[in-house]
Amino acid sequence: MRLLVKLGGTLLDAAETRRSLACQIAGAAKRGIETVVVHGGGKQMTRFLTERGVESTFVNGLRVTTPETLDAVIKVVAGSVNRELVAALAAAGARAVGICGIDGGLVEAEPMDPALGAVGRILRGDPALLEALVAGGFLPVVACVGGDRQGRLYNVNADQMAVACAAAYGADLLLFLTDVPGVKDETGAVCPALTMAQSEELIARGAATGGMLAKLKATQAALAQGVGQVRIAPGATDRILERLLEDEPAGTRLTL
């Protein structure tokens, strides 16, 4: 089985939650599940910039990325956040390797919109590096920085990075572990399961907004590109990864 786990930056901000998730992910890899991790770091980025007097501006959920902001993305998301997660996975017994989208040509990106600055849209993914690392017994941990063939760097949305990696890698299961219990309907109740058509209806009714809207659109892209199943679930829940791998009810299951 091929598994891709996307970890939200909020979950990684707390040392105890980071350790718990690292132990669960390392355990899955030890059981022979071919695992890749993609992570964000938005909360840490905002704090880093605020401490330096830089205000964060968002357009449709995407952080406007000036040269100063891009430098912070490299230092924080591909730097401290990635290193702390790799260290936690190593402490849990995994042979974790921290990489980002520019390594080995993992993803190729282009500017998404001039108004967003150095925010990248992923054009294509190449799984060769992931394949080589996993085959060698390593656990790839991917930070959401991309690049192009001219050597330019881009801030890439972590959900989009997860989808690109999952599709290229041929993941059977893509898990979005977040700080919310799942996809909610208009009443606030968590939807245990959604098809692509049902998620479109949820979007059309305005029930999904902000970060969840972005996740649903990312999920649709993943399923359309051949990922077998997607789950959106609360990452801080006890034994969440084990429960999801055992197909227990948790969060929202999304399928074609």
Protein backbone atom coordinates (compact mmCIF):
# COMPACT_ATOMS: atom_id res chain seq x y z
CA MET A 1 0.00 0.00 0.00
CA ARG A 2 1.17 3.49 -0.85
CA LEU A 3 0.24 6.21 1.62
CA LEU A 4 0.69 9.96 1.52
CA VAL A 5 0.08 11.89 4.75
CA LYS A 6 -0.32 15.65 4.60
CA LEU A 7 0.21 17.32 7.98
CA GLY A 8 -1.11 20.81 8.63
CA GLY A 9 1.29 23.29 10.16
CA THR A 10 -0.96 23.89 13.17
CA LEU A 11 -0.58 20.26 14.23
CA LEU A 12 3.20 20.49 13.99
CA ASP A 13 3.37 23.63 16.12
CA ALA A 14 2.77 21.67 19.35
CA ALA A 15 5.69 19.40 20.31
CA GLU A 16 3.47 16.71 21.86
CA THR A 17 1.19 16.44 18.82
CA ARG A 18 4.24 16.41 16.55
CA ARG A 19 5.77 13.55 18.55
CA SER A 20 2.51 11.58 18.56
CA LEU A 21 2.02 11.90 14.80
CA ALA A 22 5.68 11.06 14.16
CA CYS A 23 5.33 7.85 16.20
CA GLN A 24 2.20 6.87 14.29
CA ILE A 25 3.75 7.59 10.89
CA ALA A 26 6.97 5.78 11.79
CA GLY A 27 4.90 2.82 12.92
CA ALA A 28 3.07 2.68 9.60
CA ALA A 29 6.36 2.77 7.68
CA LYS A 30 7.79 -0.02 9.86
CA ARG A 31 4.76 -2.17 8.98
CA GLY A 32 5.74 -1.97 5.32
CA ILE A 33 3.36 0.77 4.23
CA GLU A 34 5.19 2.83 1.60
CA THR A 35 4.78 6.24 3.20
CA VAL A 36 5.47 9.81 2.11
CA VAL A 37 4.80 12.89 4.25
CA VAL A 38 4.01 16.41 3.01
CA HIS A 39 3.68 19.24 5.51
CA GLY A 40 2.67 22.84 5.74
CA GLY A 41 3.80 25.56 8.13
CA GLY A 42 1.46 28.51 7.72
CA LYS A 43 1.05 29.20 11.43
CA GLN A 44 4.80 29.17 11.98
CA MET A 45 5.29 31.42 8.93
CA THR A 46 2.83 34.01 10.17
CA ARG A 47 4.47 34.08 13.59
CA PHE A 48 7.96 34.41 12.06
CA LEU A 49 6.89 37.32 9.86
CA THR A 50 4.92 39.05 12.62
CA GLU A 51 7.94 38.93 14.91
CA ARG A 52 9.84 40.82 12.18
CA GLY A 53 7.13 43.38 11.60
CA VAL A 54 5.94 41.92 8.30
CA GLU A 55 2.18 41.74 7.80
CA SER A 56 0.81 38.66 6.02
CA THR A 57 -1.65 39.28 3.21
CA PHE A 58 -3.88 36.53 1.81
CA VAL A 59 -5.85 36.32 -1.43
CA ASN A 60 -8.29 33.39 -1.69
CA GLY A 61 -6.42 31.63 1.10
CA LEU A 62 -3.00 32.01 -0.54
CA ARG A 63 -0.26 34.06 1.11
CA VAL A 64 1.01 36.90 -1.10
CA THR A 65 4.70 36.03 -1.39
CA THR A 66 7.14 38.91 -1.66
CA PRO A 67 10.89 38.22 -1.87
CA GLU A 68 11.04 38.73 1.91
CA THR A 69 8.18 36.28 2.43
CA LEU A 70 9.75 33.70 0.12
CA ASP A 71 12.97 33.91 2.12
CA ALA A 72 10.91 33.23 5.25
CA VAL A 73 9.22 30.22 3.58
CA ILE A 74 12.62 28.71 2.85
CA LYS A 75 13.90 29.39 6.37
CA VAL A 76 10.77 28.33 8.24
CA VAL A 77 8.79 25.77 6.20
CA ALA A 78 11.71 24.10 4.41
CA GLY A 79 13.95 24.87 7.38
CA SER A 80 12.87 24.70 11.02
CA VAL A 81 9.44 23.08 10.51
CA ASN A 82 10.86 20.40 8.23
CA ARG A 83 13.87 19.75 10.48
CA GLU A 84 11.76 19.45 13.63
CA LEU A 85 9.45 16.93 11.95
CA VAL A 86 12.37 14.92 10.56
CA ALA A 87 13.93 14.88 14.03
CA ALA A 88 10.67 13.69 15.62
CA LEU A 89 10.35 10.91 13.02
CA ALA A 90 13.97 9.89 13.58
CA ALA A 91 13.33 9.73 17.33
CA ALA A 92 10.41 7.42 16.56
CA GLY A 93 12.69 5.09 14.62
CA ALA A 94 12.03 6.20 11.03
CA ARG A 95 14.80 6.87 8.51
CA ALA A 96 13.29 10.25 7.64
CA VAL A 97 14.77 12.47 4.94
CA GLY A 98 13.72 16.12 4.63
CA ILE A 99 13.29 17.38 1.07
CA CYS A 100 11.24 19.95 -0.82
CA GLY A 101 9.77 20.24 -4.29
CA ILE A 102 12.99 21.44 -5.93
CA ASP A 103 14.95 18.35 -4.87
CA GLY A 104 15.39 15.87 -7.69
CA GLY A 105 12.84 17.77 -9.77
CA LEU A 106 10.06 16.44 -7.55
CA VAL A 107 7.66 19.11 -8.81
CA GLU A 108 7.90 21.78 -11.47
CA ALA A 109 6.00 25.00 -10.84
CA GLU A 110 5.15 28.27 -12.55
CA PRO A 111 3.89 31.63 -11.23
CA MET A 112 0.20 31.37 -10.36
CA ASP A 113 -0.70 35.06 -10.55
CA PRO A 114 1.52 38.15 -10.63
CA ALA A 115 -0.63 39.67 -7.88
CA LEU A 116 0.41 36.81 -5.56
CA GLY A 117 4.14 37.26 -6.09
CA ALA A 118 6.18 34.05 -5.87
CA VAL A 119 3.23 31.72 -5.32
CA GLY A 120 3.62 28.68 -7.55
CA ARG A 121 1.16 26.51 -9.44
CA ILE A 122 2.43 22.96 -9.90
CA LEU A 123 2.66 21.92 -13.54
CA ARG A 124 3.85 18.36 -13.08
CA GLY A 125 5.36 15.95 -10.61
CA ASP A 126 8.18 13.43 -11.00
CA PRO A 127 8.11 10.59 -8.45
CA ALA A 128 11.65 9.34 -9.15
CA LEU A 129 13.14 10.76 -5.93
CA LEU A 130 10.25 9.50 -3.79
CA GLU A 131 10.52 6.08 -5.41
CA ALA A 132 14.27 5.90 -4.79
CA LEU A 133 14.00 7.00 -1.17
CA VAL A 134 11.15 4.65 -0.29
CA ALA A 135 12.84 1.75 -2.08
CA GLY A 136 15.92 2.41 0.04
CA GLY A 137 13.94 2.25 3.27
CA PHE A 138 13.74 6.00 3.80
CA LEU A 139 10.72 8.14 4.70
CA PRO A 140 10.51 11.30 2.53
CA VAL A 141 9.29 14.42 4.33
CA VAL A 142 8.37 17.08 1.76
CA ALA A 143 8.22 20.83 2.44
CA CYS A 144 6.03 22.93 0.15
CA VAL A 145 8.66 24.82 -1.83
CA GLY A 146 8.71 24.38 -5.61
CA GLY A 147 10.82 25.62 -8.48
CA ASP A 148 11.08 25.90 -12.23
CA ARG A 149 13.69 25.07 -14.85
CA GLN A 150 15.14 28.58 -14.65
CA GLY A 151 16.04 28.14 -10.99
CA ARG A 152 13.26 30.32 -9.58
CA LEU A 153 11.70 29.29 -6.27
CA TYR A 154 8.01 29.36 -5.37
CA ASN A 155 5.84 29.14 -2.29
CA VAL A 156 3.47 26.25 -3.06
CA ASN A 157 0.21 25.60 -1.23
CA ALA A 158 0.77 22.50 0.93
CA ASP A 159 -2.52 20.85 -0.07
CA GLN A 160 -1.60 21.25 -3.73
CA MET A 161 1.86 19.85 -3.05
CA ALA A 162 0.27 16.85 -1.34
CA VAL A 163 -2.01 16.22 -4.32
CA ALA A 164 0.82 16.52 -6.84
CA CYS A 165 3.03 14.13 -4.88
CA ALA A 166 0.19 11.67 -4.22
CA ALA A 167 -0.78 11.57 -7.89
CA ALA A 168 2.79 11.22 -9.16
CA TYR A 169 3.62 8.59 -6.54
CA GLY A 170 0.44 6.62 -7.23
CA ALA A 171 -0.84 6.78 -3.66
CA ASP A 172 -3.66 4.44 -2.74
CA LEU A 173 -4.66 6.69 0.13
CA LEU A 174 -4.14 10.42 0.74
CA LEU A 175 -4.72 11.58 4.30
CA PHE A 176 -5.19 15.24 5.14
CA LEU A 177 -4.61 15.43 8.89
CA THR A 178 -5.89 18.80 10.07
CA ASP A 179 -7.05 20.78 13.08
CA VAL A 180 -10.75 20.28 12.20
CA PRO A 181 -12.91 17.15 12.69
CA GLY A 182 -13.71 16.74 8.99
CA VAL A 183 -15.90 18.28 6.29
CA LYS A 184 -19.00 19.89 7.79
CA ASP A 185 -22.38 20.52 6.20
CA GLU A 186 -24.57 23.61 6.71
CA THR A 187 -25.70 22.41 10.14
CA GLY A 188 -22.14 21.98 11.39
CA ALA A 189 -22.34 18.19 11.36
CA VAL A 190 -19.35 16.27 10.02
CA CYS A 191 -20.05 14.42 6.78
CA PRO A 192 -18.74 10.86 7.25
CA ALA A 193 -18.50 10.25 3.48
CA LEU A 194 -18.73 12.30 0.30
CA THR A 195 -18.52 11.53 -3.38
CA MET A 196 -17.08 14.08 -5.79
CA ALA A 197 -20.61 15.03 -6.84
CA GLN A 198 -21.70 15.51 -3.22
CA SER A 199 -18.68 17.64 -2.43
CA GLU A 200 -19.49 19.80 -5.47
CA GLU A 201 -23.01 20.25 -4.12
CA LEU A 202 -21.59 21.24 -0.73
CA ILE A 203 -19.41 23.85 -2.40
CA ALA A 204 -22.29 25.14 -4.54
CA ARG A 205 -24.46 25.58 -1.42
CA GLY A 206 -21.71 27.62 0.23
CA ALA A 207 -21.27 25.15 3.09
CA ALA A 208 -17.54 24.82 2.44
CA THR A 209 -15.47 27.98 2.62
CA GLY A 210 -11.90 29.09 3.27
CA GLY A 211 -9.44 26.33 4.02
CA MET A 212 -12.02 23.56 3.72
CA LEU A 213 -13.07 24.78 0.28
CA ALA A 214 -9.42 24.60 -0.78
CA LYS A 215 -9.13 21.09 0.65
CA LEU A 216 -12.23 19.89 -1.18
CA LYS A 217 -10.92 21.26 -4.47
CA ALA A 218 -7.55 19.61 -3.79
CA THR A 219 -9.36 16.36 -3.00
CA GLN A 220 -11.27 16.49 -6.27
CA ALA A 221 -8.00 17.00 -8.15
CA ALA A 222 -6.42 14.04 -6.35
CA LEU A 223 -9.29 11.68 -7.12
CA ALA A 224 -9.40 12.86 -10.75
CA GLN A 225 -5.67 12.05 -11.04
CA GLY A 226 -6.07 8.48 -9.84
CA VAL A 227 -5.56 8.62 -6.07
CA GLY A 228 -7.73 5.80 -4.74
CA GLN A 229 -9.22 7.43 -1.66
CA VAL A 230 -8.89 10.64 0.35
CA ARG A 231 -9.63 11.15 4.04
CA ILE A 232 -9.82 14.49 5.87
CA ALA A 233 -9.51 13.87 9.59
CA PRO A 234 -8.52 15.49 12.91
CA GLY A 235 -4.81 14.89 13.37
CA ALA A 236 -4.77 15.45 17.14
CA THR A 237 -7.21 12.59 17.80
CA ASP A 238 -5.69 9.65 19.65
CA ARG A 239 -4.38 6.90 17.33
CA ILE A 240 -5.87 8.71 14.33
CA LEU A 241 -3.53 7.22 11.73
CA GLU A 242 -4.00 3.68 13.00
CA ARG A 243 -7.76 4.15 13.03
CA LEU A 244 -7.80 5.46 9.48
CA LEU A 245 -5.58 2.66 8.21
CA GLU A 246 -7.93 0.17 9.86
CA ASP A 247 -10.80 1.91 8.04
CA GLU A 248 -12.52 3.00 11.24
CA PRO A 249 -14.97 5.92 11.06
CA ALA A 250 -13.13 9.20 11.56
CA GLY A 251 -13.36 12.50 9.76
CA THR A 252 -14.63 12.43 6.17
CA ARG A 253 -13.98 9.81 3.49
CA LEU A 254 -13.96 11.16 -0.08
CA THR A 255 -14.24 8.98 -3.16
CA LEU A 256 -15.20 9.26 -6.82
